[in-house]
Protein backbone atom coordinates (compact mmCIF):
# COMPACT_ATOMS: atom_id res chain seq x y z
CA UNK A 1 3.10 -9.12 16.28
CA UNK A 2 0.28 -11.45 16.72
CA UNK A 3 0.25 -12.46 13.04
CA UNK A 4 1.92 -14.94 10.77
CA UNK A 5 3.52 -18.45 11.26
CA UNK A 6 6.12 -16.96 13.69
CA UNK A 7 3.59 -15.59 15.94
CA UNK A 8 3.95 -16.38 19.72
CA UNK A 9 0.19 -16.23 19.86
CA UNK A 10 -2.19 -15.31 17.17
CA UNK A 11 -4.17 -12.19 17.98
CA UNK A 12 -2.08 -11.03 20.97
CA UNK A 13 0.46 -7.88 20.57
CA UNK A 14 2.38 -8.61 23.78
CA UNK A 15 3.25 -6.08 26.46
CA UNK A 16 3.98 -3.22 24.40
CA UNK A 17 0.67 -3.25 22.72
CA UNK A 18 -0.21 -0.97 19.82
CA UNK A 19 2.84 1.36 20.38
CA UNK A 20 5.16 -1.67 19.56
CA UNK A 21 3.36 -2.00 16.16
CA UNK A 22 3.94 1.68 15.53
CA UNK A 23 7.81 1.31 16.64
CA UNK A 24 8.11 -1.71 14.54
CA UNK A 25 7.10 0.13 11.42
CA UNK A 26 9.58 2.82 12.22
CA UNK A 27 12.35 0.27 12.58
CA UNK A 28 11.47 -1.20 9.17
CA UNK A 29 11.59 2.29 7.77
CA UNK A 30 14.98 2.97 9.06
CA UNK A 31 16.36 -0.37 7.92
CA UNK A 32 14.87 0.21 4.27
CA UNK A 33 16.16 3.78 4.22
CA UNK A 34 19.54 2.58 5.43
CA UNK A 35 19.67 0.02 2.59
CA UNK A 36 18.37 2.38 0.00
CA UNK A 37 19.51 5.80 0.90
CA UNK A 38 17.97 8.55 -0.95
CA UNK A 39 15.04 6.58 -2.20
CA UNK A 40 11.69 8.26 -1.52
CA UNK A 41 9.75 6.43 1.23
CA UNK A 42 5.75 6.25 1.25
CA UNK A 43 4.06 4.28 4.01
CA UNK A 44 1.01 2.40 3.27
CA UNK A 45 -1.32 0.91 5.88
CA UNK A 46 -4.37 -1.27 5.13
CA UNK A 47 -7.42 -1.87 7.58
CA UNK A 48 -5.90 -2.27 11.00
CA UNK A 49 -2.68 -1.27 9.35
CA UNK A 50 -4.20 2.06 8.55
CA UNK A 51 -4.72 2.64 12.12
CA UNK A 52 -1.00 1.72 12.82
CA UNK A 53 -0.08 4.23 10.03
CA UNK A 54 -2.22 7.07 11.36
CA UNK A 55 -0.70 6.65 14.85
CA UNK A 56 2.72 6.52 13.15
CA UNK A 57 1.99 9.90 11.68
CA UNK A 58 1.81 11.38 15.20
CA UNK A 59 5.25 10.41 16.11
CA UNK A 60 7.53 9.64 13.03
CA UNK A 61 5.94 11.29 9.95
CA UNK A 62 8.60 13.73 9.20
CA UNK A 63 10.57 12.92 6.07
CA UNK A 64 7.97 10.71 4.44
CA UNK A 65 7.14 11.30 0.69
CA UNK A 66 3.53 10.44 1.58
CA UNK A 67 1.13 8.31 3.48
CA UNK A 68 -1.51 5.99 1.93
CA UNK A 69 -4.43 4.61 3.90
CA UNK A 70 -6.37 1.81 2.41
CA UNK A 71 -9.69 0.41 3.99
CA UNK A 72 -9.49 2.83 6.97
CA UNK A 73 -12.48 3.78 9.09
CA UNK A 74 -13.83 6.40 11.48
CA UNK A 75 -15.26 5.42 14.88
CA UNK A 76 -17.01 7.58 17.25
CA UNK A 77 -15.37 8.38 20.67
CA UNK A 78 -18.46 6.63 22.50
CA UNK A 79 -17.93 3.32 20.42
CA UNK A 80 -14.16 3.35 21.06
CA UNK A 81 -14.68 3.79 24.87
CA UNK A 82 -17.37 1.27 25.12
CA UNK A 83 -15.12 -1.31 23.28
CA UNK A 84 -12.15 -0.25 25.58
CA UNK A 85 -14.31 -0.71 28.72
CA UNK A 86 -15.58 -4.21 27.70
CA UNK A 87 -11.95 -5.25 26.80
CA UNK A 88 -10.39 -3.87 30.19
CA UNK A 89 -12.92 -5.84 31.94
CA UNK A 90 -12.20 -9.15 30.19
CA UNK A 91 -8.54 -8.29 30.81
CA UNK A 92 -9.23 -7.75 34.49
CA UNK A 93 -10.62 -11.19 34.84
CA UNK A 94 -7.91 -13.05 33.25
CA UNK A 95 -9.10 -12.81 29.77
CA UNK A 96 -5.86 -10.78 28.50
CA UNK A 97 -4.62 -13.74 26.32
CA UNK A 98 -8.10 -15.53 25.60
CA UNK A 99 -9.88 -15.01 22.30
CA UNK A 100 -12.74 -12.20 22.76
CA UNK A 101 -15.61 -13.45 20.76
CA UNK A 102 -17.91 -10.77 22.37
CA UNK A 103 -15.87 -8.00 21.20
CA UNK A 104 -15.28 -9.65 17.81
CA UNK A 105 -19.16 -10.03 17.41
CA UNK A 106 -19.59 -6.33 18.30
CA UNK A 107 -16.85 -5.11 16.12
CA UNK A 108 -17.85 -6.97 12.97
CA UNK A 109 -21.69 -6.83 13.52
CA UNK A 110 -23.45 -5.47 10.35
CA UNK A 111 -20.59 -5.74 8.14
CA UNK A 112 -22.08 -8.51 6.02
CA UNK A 113 -25.83 -7.03 6.03
CA UNK A 114 -25.55 -5.38 2.66
CA UNK A 115 -25.23 -8.71 1.03
CA UNK A 116 -28.47 -10.74 1.50
CA UNK A 117 -28.66 -13.56 1.30
CA UNK A 118 -24.93 -13.84 2.08
CA UNK A 119 -22.81 -16.39 0.12
CA UNK A 120 -20.35 -16.45 3.22
CA UNK A 121 -19.93 -14.47 6.54
CA UNK A 122 -17.03 -12.61 4.84
CA UNK A 123 -18.70 -11.33 1.63
CA UNK A 124 -17.81 -7.83 2.73
CA UNK A 125 -14.14 -8.52 2.11
CA UNK A 126 -14.05 -8.81 -1.62
CA UNK A 127 -16.27 -9.43 -4.84
CA UNK A 128 -13.57 -12.04 -5.70
CA UNK A 129 -15.12 -15.28 -4.49
CA UNK A 130 -11.90 -17.21 -4.79
CA UNK A 131 -10.14 -14.56 -2.43
CA UNK A 132 -13.05 -14.65 0.04
CA UNK A 133 -12.77 -18.58 0.18
CA UNK A 134 -9.07 -18.47 0.51
CA UNK A 135 -9.45 -16.00 3.36
CA UNK A 136 -11.98 -18.19 5.31
CA UNK A 137 -9.73 -21.39 4.59
CA UNK A 138 -6.54 -19.87 5.82
CA UNK A 139 -5.95 -20.24 9.62
CA UNK A 140 -3.61 -17.34 9.58
CA UNK A 141 -6.65 -15.05 8.52
CA UNK A 142 -9.80 -14.15 10.29
CA UNK A 143 -8.68 -15.41 13.64
CA UNK A 144 -10.34 -13.88 16.74
CA UNK A 145 -8.22 -11.40 18.53
CA UNK A 146 -7.59 -11.58 22.33
CA UNK A 147 -9.00 -9.15 24.85
CA UNK A 148 -5.60 -7.64 25.17
CA UNK A 149 -5.30 -6.98 21.40
CA UNK A 150 -8.63 -5.45 21.43
CA UNK A 151 -7.72 -3.29 24.39
CA UNK A 152 -4.56 -2.22 22.61
CA UNK A 153 -6.35 -1.56 19.46
CA UNK A 154 -9.03 0.63 21.18
CA UNK A 155 -6.24 2.67 22.98
CA UNK A 156 -4.70 3.22 19.47
CA UNK A 157 -8.11 4.39 18.13
CA UNK A 158 -8.29 6.95 20.98
CA UNK A 159 -5.11 8.65 19.61
CA UNK A 160 -6.78 9.54 16.46
CA UNK A 161 -9.27 11.83 17.92
CA UNK A 162 -9.23 15.41 16.22
CA UNK A 163 -7.37 16.97 19.26
CA UNK A 164 -4.48 14.60 18.72
CA UNK A 165 -3.97 14.50 15.03
CA UNK A 166 -2.64 18.23 14.96
CA UNK A 167 0.70 16.49 15.69
CA UNK A 168 0.58 15.28 11.98
CA UNK A 169 3.18 16.93 9.58
CA UNK A 170 0.99 19.43 7.49
CA UNK A 171 3.47 19.00 4.58
CA UNK A 172 3.20 15.32 4.03
CA UNK A 173 0.58 14.46 1.49
CA UNK A 174 -1.88 11.85 2.42
CA UNK A 175 -4.15 9.39 0.12
CA UNK A 176 -7.12 7.74 1.55
CA UNK A 177 -8.72 5.09 -0.84
CA UNK A 178 -11.49 2.61 -0.25
CA UNK A 179 -14.23 0.52 -1.68
CA UNK A 180 -17.41 2.61 -1.84
CA UNK A 181 -19.19 -0.62 -0.45
CA UNK A 182 -16.64 -1.16 2.55
CA UNK A 183 -18.40 -1.37 5.76
CA UNK A 184 -15.13 -0.58 7.70
CA UNK A 185 -15.27 2.83 6.19
CA UNK A 186 -18.89 3.42 6.55
CA UNK A 187 -19.34 2.94 2.81
CA UNK A 188 -17.25 5.82 2.07
CA UNK A 189 -18.87 8.30 4.65
CA UNK A 190 -16.19 7.35 7.32
CA UNK A 191 -13.43 7.85 4.80
CA UNK A 192 -14.57 11.34 4.19
CA UNK A 193 -14.95 12.13 7.82
CA UNK A 194 -11.30 10.97 8.36
CA UNK A 195 -10.15 13.20 5.47
CA UNK A 196 -12.05 16.11 6.80
CA UNK A 197 -10.38 15.88 10.05
CA UNK A 198 -6.95 15.97 8.61
CA UNK A 199 -7.76 19.01 6.48
CA UNK A 200 -9.21 20.73 9.53
CA UNK A 201 -5.75 19.81 11.35
CA UNK A 202 -4.01 21.72 8.58
CA UNK A 203 -2.86 18.91 6.34
CA UNK A 204 -2.27 20.53 3.06
CA UNK A 205 -2.48 17.95 0.62
CA UNK A 206 -5.43 15.18 1.35
CA UNK A 207 -6.83 13.17 -1.55
CA UNK A 208 -9.76 10.74 -1.24
CA UNK A 209 -10.50 7.96 -3.86
CA UNK A 210 -13.53 5.74 -3.57
CA UNK A 211 -14.01 2.85 -6.02
CA UNK A 212 -17.81 2.06 -7.08
CA UNK A 213 -19.07 -1.30 -5.88
CA UNK A 214 -15.54 -1.87 -4.26
CA UNK A 215 -15.39 -3.63 -0.90
CA UNK A 216 -12.80 -3.81 1.93
CA UNK A 217 -9.75 -5.20 0.07
CA UNK A 218 -9.36 -3.24 -3.06
CA UNK A 219 -6.00 -4.98 -3.69
CA UNK A 220 -7.94 -8.08 -4.13
CA UNK A 221 -10.87 -6.69 -6.20
CA UNK A 222 -11.40 -7.38 -9.90
CA UNK A 223 -10.22 -4.03 -10.71
CA UNK A 224 -7.01 -4.33 -8.74
CA UNK A 225 -4.89 -3.24 -11.59
CA UNK A 226 -6.69 -0.05 -11.77
CA UNK A 227 -6.02 0.53 -8.17
CA UNK A 228 -2.30 -0.16 -8.48
CA UNK A 229 -2.03 2.17 -11.45
CA UNK A 230 -3.82 4.97 -9.51
CA UNK A 231 -1.37 4.32 -6.60
CA UNK A 232 1.67 4.64 -8.78
CA UNK A 233 0.40 7.65 -10.45
CA UNK A 234 -0.35 9.44 -7.13
CA UNK A 235 2.96 8.69 -5.73
CA UNK A 236 4.94 9.83 -8.82
CA UNK A 237 2.82 12.98 -8.87
CA UNK A 238 4.12 13.79 -5.27
CA UNK A 239 7.75 13.37 -5.87
């Protein structure tokens, strides 16, 4: 929702908000499992999709062969609540469907600081300059979310506090992988914190893989084949 050529409005999820994204993911799973009965099912979420996947695990995780989180992050409660407050205020003043530039600037502030002088404002995405340039040139990438979408996303992030994640299925293995230079994951620190919270919640099999010099989109990095090989090996080893 809110993405792609068929979007009613880019950067807006609609009335159902983040819960609708979670339920859409579940609908897709049910359709796929009906078409391919008996085939193992792994759920992979990248970046914002990793937050959808983590919310999914609180409701529908049972029966998955594994959960894979790419480019995820850890956000302190104070930061999430502050963002939610600003988003709610903008929505209250008629900005629900309007691009939220202030929230965008706050959310992505500092992501590009590690690369100085920067070639572009999106250097943090990938070391592959062609991929970065294609991202910048694509109107379906990098658009500004509406205040409503930010509100919904912050609500989704609130569900990921340690007191909530006890609802996860302790027997479903989880893989978290990220570039060691990815600012979304706090350059690895945030990814390790998320993994630690999963372990503390009782999840039995939690794996963290950080790629040296890697940035946010490991699927678009120069060593992408290494990443895909690792993913396949990890999935096969969990069957």
